Amino acid sequence: MFDPYGSSLNGPVMWSRPQHGPQEHPHASMVLILGVLGVFCCGACAPVAWVLGARSLREIDAAGGIYGGRHQVMIGLVLGIIGTVFMVCGGVLFLLLVIGGHG
């Protein structure tokens, strides 16, 4: 029998499994958000992003490809380091202004 639509219902049906990459690490988005907040808004979030990012990177590396989101964690980690440096420099500058302002 001729099928004008080109489908063959007589042969075996081939089901393809969906191809998914590795699952995103549970803390990947949180590290990125904390890193951004630590640089631009709330400096206290930066050290948390640094510590959480370092721990998440170790977990991603140890998981053997099960976890993804390495780029998000890496960006959040770097932003956490930068935000921590900004926070420390701002604190030192504040102390110098308070101590030196009375001279």
N, C-alpha and C. Protein backbone atom coordinates (compact mmCIF):
# COMPACT_ATOMS: atom_id res chain seq x y z
N MET A 1 0.84 -1.17 0.00
CA MET A 1 0.00 0.00 0.00
C MET A 1 0.89 1.24 0.00
N PHE A 2 0.56 2.19 -0.82
CA PHE A 2 1.33 3.42 -0.95
C PHE A 2 0.84 4.44 0.07
N ASP A 3 1.80 5.04 0.79
CA ASP A 3 1.46 6.06 1.79
C ASP A 3 1.98 7.40 1.28
N PRO A 4 1.10 8.34 0.94
CA PRO A 4 1.55 9.62 0.37
C PRO A 4 2.31 10.49 1.38
N TYR A 5 2.17 10.20 2.65
CA TYR A 5 2.85 11.01 3.67
C TYR A 5 4.23 10.46 4.04
N GLY A 6 4.59 9.33 3.55
CA GLY A 6 5.92 8.77 3.75
C GLY A 6 6.14 8.11 5.09
N SER A 7 5.09 7.82 5.83
CA SER A 7 5.28 7.16 7.11
C SER A 7 5.07 5.67 6.93
N SER A 8 5.79 4.90 7.67
CA SER A 8 5.67 3.46 7.59
C SER A 8 5.15 2.95 8.93
N LEU A 9 3.94 2.49 8.94
CA LEU A 9 3.37 1.95 10.18
C LEU A 9 3.59 0.46 10.29
N ASN A 10 4.14 -0.16 9.27
CA ASN A 10 4.34 -1.60 9.29
C ASN A 10 5.65 -1.99 9.96
N GLY A 11 6.64 -1.11 9.93
CA GLY A 11 7.95 -1.43 10.49
C GLY A 11 7.99 -1.16 11.99
N PRO A 12 9.11 -1.51 12.59
CA PRO A 12 9.24 -1.27 14.03
C PRO A 12 9.30 0.23 14.34
N VAL A 13 8.73 0.59 15.46
CA VAL A 13 8.73 1.98 15.89
C VAL A 13 10.01 2.21 16.69
N MET A 14 10.76 3.19 16.29
CA MET A 14 12.03 3.49 16.97
C MET A 14 11.81 4.67 17.90
N TRP A 15 11.92 4.44 19.17
CA TRP A 15 11.80 5.50 20.15
C TRP A 15 13.20 5.97 20.52
N SER A 16 13.38 7.24 20.51
CA SER A 16 14.70 7.74 20.90
C SER A 16 14.62 8.28 22.32
N ARG A 17 15.66 7.98 23.09
CA ARG A 17 15.75 8.50 24.44
C ARG A 17 16.15 9.96 24.38
N PRO A 18 15.56 10.79 25.21
CA PRO A 18 15.98 12.19 25.22
C PRO A 18 17.43 12.30 25.70
N GLN A 19 18.19 13.11 25.02
CA GLN A 19 19.59 13.28 25.35
C GLN A 19 19.74 14.48 26.28
N HIS A 20 20.00 14.22 27.52
CA HIS A 20 20.18 15.28 28.50
C HIS A 20 21.63 15.32 28.92
N GLY A 21 22.10 16.52 29.18
CA GLY A 21 23.44 16.68 29.71
C GLY A 21 23.44 16.39 31.20
N PRO A 22 24.54 16.68 31.84
CA PRO A 22 24.61 16.44 33.28
C PRO A 22 23.67 17.38 34.03
N GLN A 23 23.23 16.91 35.18
CA GLN A 23 22.33 17.70 36.02
C GLN A 23 23.10 18.86 36.63
N GLU A 24 22.48 20.04 36.67
CA GLU A 24 23.13 21.21 37.24
C GLU A 24 23.33 21.02 38.74
N HIS A 25 24.49 21.44 39.22
CA HIS A 25 24.78 21.34 40.64
C HIS A 25 23.74 22.13 41.43
N PRO A 26 23.28 21.60 42.56
CA PRO A 26 22.21 22.28 43.30
C PRO A 26 22.56 23.70 43.76
N HIS A 27 23.83 24.01 43.93
CA HIS A 27 24.21 25.34 44.41
C HIS A 27 24.74 26.26 43.31
N ALA A 28 24.70 25.84 42.07
CA ALA A 28 25.31 26.63 40.99
C ALA A 28 24.66 28.00 40.85
N SER A 29 23.36 28.05 40.78
CA SER A 29 22.68 29.34 40.62
C SER A 29 22.83 30.21 41.87
N MET A 30 22.79 29.57 43.04
CA MET A 30 22.90 30.33 44.27
C MET A 30 24.29 30.98 44.40
N VAL A 31 25.34 30.26 44.01
CA VAL A 31 26.70 30.82 44.07
C VAL A 31 26.80 32.02 43.13
N LEU A 32 26.24 31.89 41.93
CA LEU A 32 26.27 33.00 40.98
C LEU A 32 25.52 34.22 41.51
N ILE A 33 24.34 34.01 42.06
CA ILE A 33 23.55 35.12 42.60
C ILE A 33 24.26 35.77 43.78
N LEU A 34 24.81 34.97 44.68
CA LEU A 34 25.54 35.52 45.83
C LEU A 34 26.77 36.30 45.38
N GLY A 35 27.45 35.82 44.35
CA GLY A 35 28.61 36.54 43.84
C GLY A 35 28.25 37.88 43.26
N VAL A 36 27.17 37.92 42.50
CA VAL A 36 26.71 39.19 41.92
C VAL A 36 26.27 40.15 43.02
N LEU A 37 25.52 39.65 43.99
CA LEU A 37 25.08 40.50 45.10
C LEU A 37 26.27 40.99 45.92
N GLY A 38 27.27 40.14 46.07
CA GLY A 38 28.45 40.53 46.85
C GLY A 38 29.24 41.65 46.22
N VAL A 39 29.26 41.72 44.91
CA VAL A 39 30.01 42.77 44.23
C VAL A 39 29.18 44.04 44.12
N PHE A 40 27.91 43.93 43.77
CA PHE A 40 27.12 45.11 43.43
C PHE A 40 26.21 45.63 44.54
N CYS A 41 25.91 44.81 45.53
CA CYS A 41 24.87 45.24 46.46
C CYS A 41 25.26 45.02 47.92
N CYS A 42 25.46 43.81 48.30
CA CYS A 42 25.67 43.46 49.71
C CYS A 42 27.00 42.73 49.85
N GLY A 43 27.99 43.42 50.37
CA GLY A 43 29.33 42.85 50.46
C GLY A 43 29.42 41.61 51.32
N ALA A 44 28.51 41.44 52.27
CA ALA A 44 28.56 40.27 53.14
C ALA A 44 28.25 38.97 52.39
N CYS A 45 27.64 39.06 51.22
CA CYS A 45 27.35 37.86 50.42
C CYS A 45 28.59 37.33 49.71
N ALA A 46 29.59 38.18 49.52
CA ALA A 46 30.76 37.79 48.74
C ALA A 46 31.56 36.65 49.37
N PRO A 47 31.90 36.70 50.67
CA PRO A 47 32.63 35.56 51.25
C PRO A 47 31.83 34.27 51.21
N VAL A 48 30.51 34.38 51.35
CA VAL A 48 29.66 33.18 51.28
C VAL A 48 29.74 32.58 49.88
N ALA A 49 29.71 33.44 48.86
CA ALA A 49 29.83 32.95 47.48
C ALA A 49 31.19 32.30 47.25
N TRP A 50 32.23 32.87 47.84
CA TRP A 50 33.59 32.33 47.71
C TRP A 50 33.67 30.93 48.31
N VAL A 51 33.19 30.77 49.55
CA VAL A 51 33.28 29.48 50.23
C VAL A 51 32.38 28.45 49.56
N LEU A 52 31.13 28.84 49.28
CA LEU A 52 30.20 27.91 48.64
C LEU A 52 30.66 27.54 47.23
N GLY A 53 31.24 28.51 46.52
CA GLY A 53 31.74 28.23 45.17
C GLY A 53 32.90 27.27 45.17
N ALA A 54 33.82 27.44 46.12
CA ALA A 54 34.97 26.52 46.20
C ALA A 54 34.50 25.11 46.54
N ARG A 55 33.56 25.00 47.46
CA ARG A 55 33.04 23.67 47.83
C ARG A 55 32.28 23.04 46.66
N SER A 56 31.49 23.84 45.96
CA SER A 56 30.73 23.31 44.83
C SER A 56 31.64 22.87 43.70
N LEU A 57 32.72 23.61 43.45
CA LEU A 57 33.68 23.19 42.41
C LEU A 57 34.32 21.86 42.77
N ARG A 58 34.68 21.68 44.04
CA ARG A 58 35.24 20.38 44.45
C ARG A 58 34.23 19.26 44.24
N GLU A 59 32.97 19.52 44.56
CA GLU A 59 31.94 18.49 44.37
C GLU A 59 31.71 18.18 42.90
N ILE A 60 31.73 19.20 42.05
CA ILE A 60 31.55 18.98 40.61
C ILE A 60 32.71 18.16 40.05
N ASP A 61 33.93 18.48 40.47
CA ASP A 61 35.09 17.74 39.98
C ASP A 61 35.09 16.30 40.48
N ALA A 62 34.64 16.08 41.71
CA ALA A 62 34.63 14.73 42.27
C ALA A 62 33.47 13.88 41.74
N ALA A 63 32.45 14.51 41.17
CA ALA A 63 31.27 13.77 40.74
C ALA A 63 31.47 13.00 39.44
N GLY A 64 32.52 13.29 38.71
CA GLY A 64 32.79 12.53 37.50
C GLY A 64 31.81 12.77 36.37
N GLY A 65 31.36 14.00 36.19
CA GLY A 65 30.48 14.32 35.07
C GLY A 65 29.01 14.27 35.39
N ILE A 66 28.65 13.94 36.62
CA ILE A 66 27.23 13.89 36.98
C ILE A 66 26.66 15.29 37.09
N TYR A 67 27.46 16.22 37.63
CA TYR A 67 27.01 17.59 37.82
C TYR A 67 27.55 18.51 36.74
N GLY A 68 26.70 19.42 36.31
CA GLY A 68 27.10 20.49 35.41
C GLY A 68 27.02 21.81 36.16
N GLY A 69 27.05 22.91 35.45
CA GLY A 69 26.97 24.22 36.06
C GLY A 69 28.30 24.75 36.53
N ARG A 70 29.38 24.17 36.02
CA ARG A 70 30.72 24.58 36.44
C ARG A 70 30.99 26.04 36.10
N HIS A 71 30.52 26.50 34.95
CA HIS A 71 30.77 27.89 34.55
C HIS A 71 30.06 28.87 35.49
N GLN A 72 28.83 28.55 35.86
CA GLN A 72 28.11 29.40 36.80
C GLN A 72 28.83 29.48 38.13
N VAL A 73 29.28 28.33 38.62
CA VAL A 73 29.97 28.29 39.90
C VAL A 73 31.28 29.05 39.82
N MET A 74 31.99 28.91 38.71
CA MET A 74 33.27 29.59 38.55
C MET A 74 33.08 31.11 38.52
N ILE A 75 32.08 31.58 37.80
CA ILE A 75 31.82 33.02 37.75
C ILE A 75 31.42 33.54 39.13
N GLY A 76 30.55 32.81 39.83
CA GLY A 76 30.16 33.20 41.18
C GLY A 76 31.33 33.20 42.14
N LEU A 77 32.23 32.22 42.00
CA LEU A 77 33.42 32.15 42.85
C LEU A 77 34.33 33.36 42.62
N VAL A 78 34.59 33.69 41.37
CA VAL A 78 35.45 34.84 41.05
C VAL A 78 34.80 36.13 41.53
N LEU A 79 33.49 36.28 41.33
CA LEU A 79 32.80 37.47 41.83
C LEU A 79 32.83 37.52 43.35
N GLY A 80 32.77 36.37 44.00
CA GLY A 80 32.87 36.32 45.46
C GLY A 80 34.23 36.77 45.95
N ILE A 81 35.28 36.37 45.25
CA ILE A 81 36.63 36.80 45.61
C ILE A 81 36.77 38.31 45.42
N ILE A 82 36.30 38.80 44.28
CA ILE A 82 36.38 40.25 44.00
C ILE A 82 35.57 41.03 45.02
N GLY A 83 34.37 40.58 45.33
CA GLY A 83 33.53 41.26 46.31
C GLY A 83 34.15 41.25 47.70
N THR A 84 34.81 40.16 48.06
CA THR A 84 35.47 40.09 49.36
C THR A 84 36.63 41.07 49.42
N VAL A 85 37.39 41.17 48.34
CA VAL A 85 38.49 42.14 48.30
C VAL A 85 37.96 43.56 48.41
N PHE A 86 36.88 43.85 47.69
CA PHE A 86 36.25 45.18 47.79
C PHE A 86 35.79 45.47 49.22
N MET A 87 35.19 44.46 49.85
CA MET A 87 34.67 44.65 51.20
C MET A 87 35.81 44.90 52.19
N VAL A 88 36.89 44.16 52.07
CA VAL A 88 38.03 44.35 52.97
C VAL A 88 38.67 45.71 52.73
N CYS A 89 38.87 46.08 51.47
CA CYS A 89 39.44 47.40 51.16
C CYS A 89 38.55 48.53 51.67
N GLY A 90 37.26 48.39 51.52
CA GLY A 90 36.33 49.39 52.04
C GLY A 90 36.38 49.48 53.55
N GLY A 91 36.50 48.35 54.23
CA GLY A 91 36.61 48.36 55.68
C GLY A 91 37.89 49.01 56.16
N VAL A 92 39.01 48.71 55.48
CA VAL A 92 40.29 49.33 55.84
C VAL A 92 40.23 50.83 55.58
N LEU A 93 39.67 51.23 54.47
CA LEU A 93 39.54 52.65 54.16
C LEU A 93 38.66 53.36 55.19
N PHE A 94 37.58 52.72 55.59
CA PHE A 94 36.70 53.28 56.60
C PHE A 94 37.44 53.47 57.92
N LEU A 95 38.19 52.42 58.33
CA LEU A 95 38.96 52.54 59.58
C LEU A 95 40.01 53.63 59.50
N LEU A 96 40.67 53.75 58.37
CA LEU A 96 41.66 54.82 58.22
C LEU A 96 41.02 56.19 58.29
N LEU A 97 39.84 56.33 57.73
CA LEU A 97 39.14 57.62 57.80
C LEU A 97 38.67 57.92 59.23
N VAL A 98 38.22 56.92 59.93
CA VAL A 98 37.74 57.13 61.30
C VAL A 98 38.92 57.45 62.23
N ILE A 99 39.99 56.66 62.12
CA ILE A 99 41.14 56.87 62.99
C ILE A 99 41.90 58.14 62.60
N GLY A 100 42.11 58.34 61.33
CA GLY A 100 42.88 59.49 60.86
C GLY A 100 42.09 60.76 60.79
N GLY A 101 40.80 60.70 60.91
CA GLY A 101 39.97 61.89 60.77
C GLY A 101 40.02 62.82 61.96
N HIS A 102 40.58 62.37 63.07
CA HIS A 102 40.64 63.19 64.27
C HIS A 102 41.95 63.95 64.40
N GLY A 103 42.79 63.93 63.38
CA GLY A 103 44.13 64.57 63.47
C GLY A 103 44.08 65.94 63.02
